[in-house]
Amino acid sequence: MQENRFCDRCMQKTLQEIVENEETIYTYKRKKIYKCTMCGSTSYKRGLRPSAESVY
């Protein structure tokens, strides 16, 4: 699964793929490991809010 997130190394919004661990139960407050598709750097980030971001 991929999301459009801000990359700390590229300093822009890029496609980030979620690196999933099989034994971890993911909730929206738990930090996930995201890997940038442009530079390949990984970072821990919280998931996006479950509702639409454009409403806020």
Protein backbone atom coordinates (compact mmCIF):
# COMPACT_ATOMS: atom_id res chain seq x y z
CA MET A 1 0.00 0.00 0.00
CA GLN A 2 1.30 3.48 -0.84
CA GLU A 3 0.45 6.95 0.45
CA ASN A 4 1.49 10.43 -0.61
CA ARG A 5 3.50 11.63 2.44
CA PHE A 6 6.22 14.20 3.19
CA CYS A 7 9.75 12.75 3.01
CA ASP A 8 12.34 14.14 5.46
CA ARG A 9 15.26 13.55 3.08
CA CYS A 10 13.66 14.65 -0.24
CA MET A 11 11.92 17.63 1.45
CA GLN A 12 8.78 17.18 -0.63
CA LYS A 13 5.67 15.01 -0.84
CA THR A 14 6.50 11.67 -2.43
CA LEU A 15 4.91 8.25 -2.65
CA GLN A 16 5.72 6.31 0.51
CA GLU A 17 5.13 2.60 0.81
CA ILE A 18 4.20 1.10 4.17
CA VAL A 19 6.56 -1.61 5.43
CA GLU A 20 4.27 -3.97 7.33
CA ASN A 21 5.24 -6.41 10.06
CA GLU A 22 3.06 -9.53 10.27
CA GLU A 23 2.81 -9.75 14.07
CA THR A 24 2.04 -6.06 14.69
CA ILE A 25 -1.57 -4.93 15.09
CA TYR A 26 -1.88 -1.53 13.42
CA THR A 27 -4.26 1.14 14.68
CA TYR A 28 -4.43 4.71 13.41
CA LYS A 29 -2.47 6.04 16.42
CA ARG A 30 0.38 3.53 16.14
CA LYS A 31 3.50 4.65 14.24
CA LYS A 32 4.18 2.78 11.01
CA ILE A 33 7.40 2.39 9.03
CA TYR A 34 7.23 4.30 5.75
CA LYS A 35 9.78 3.85 2.94
CA CYS A 36 10.21 6.59 0.31
CA THR A 37 10.02 5.32 -3.27
CA MET A 38 12.31 8.12 -4.55
CA CYS A 39 15.32 7.97 -2.18
CA GLY A 40 14.68 4.73 -0.25
CA SER A 41 14.91 6.25 3.25
CA THR A 42 12.71 4.78 6.00
CA SER A 43 11.06 6.64 8.87
CA TYR A 44 8.44 6.09 11.58
CA LYS A 45 5.31 8.20 11.07
CA ARG A 46 1.81 8.18 12.46
CA GLY A 47 -0.96 7.15 10.12
CA LEU A 48 -3.23 9.70 8.53
CA ARG A 49 -6.52 10.52 10.23
CA PRO A 50 -9.29 8.08 9.38
CA SER A 51 -11.50 10.88 8.00
CA ALA A 52 -10.75 13.12 5.03
CA GLU A 53 -7.87 15.56 5.56
CA SER A 54 -9.43 18.21 3.30
CA VAL A 55 -12.31 18.77 5.75
CA TYR A 56 -10.05 20.33 8.41
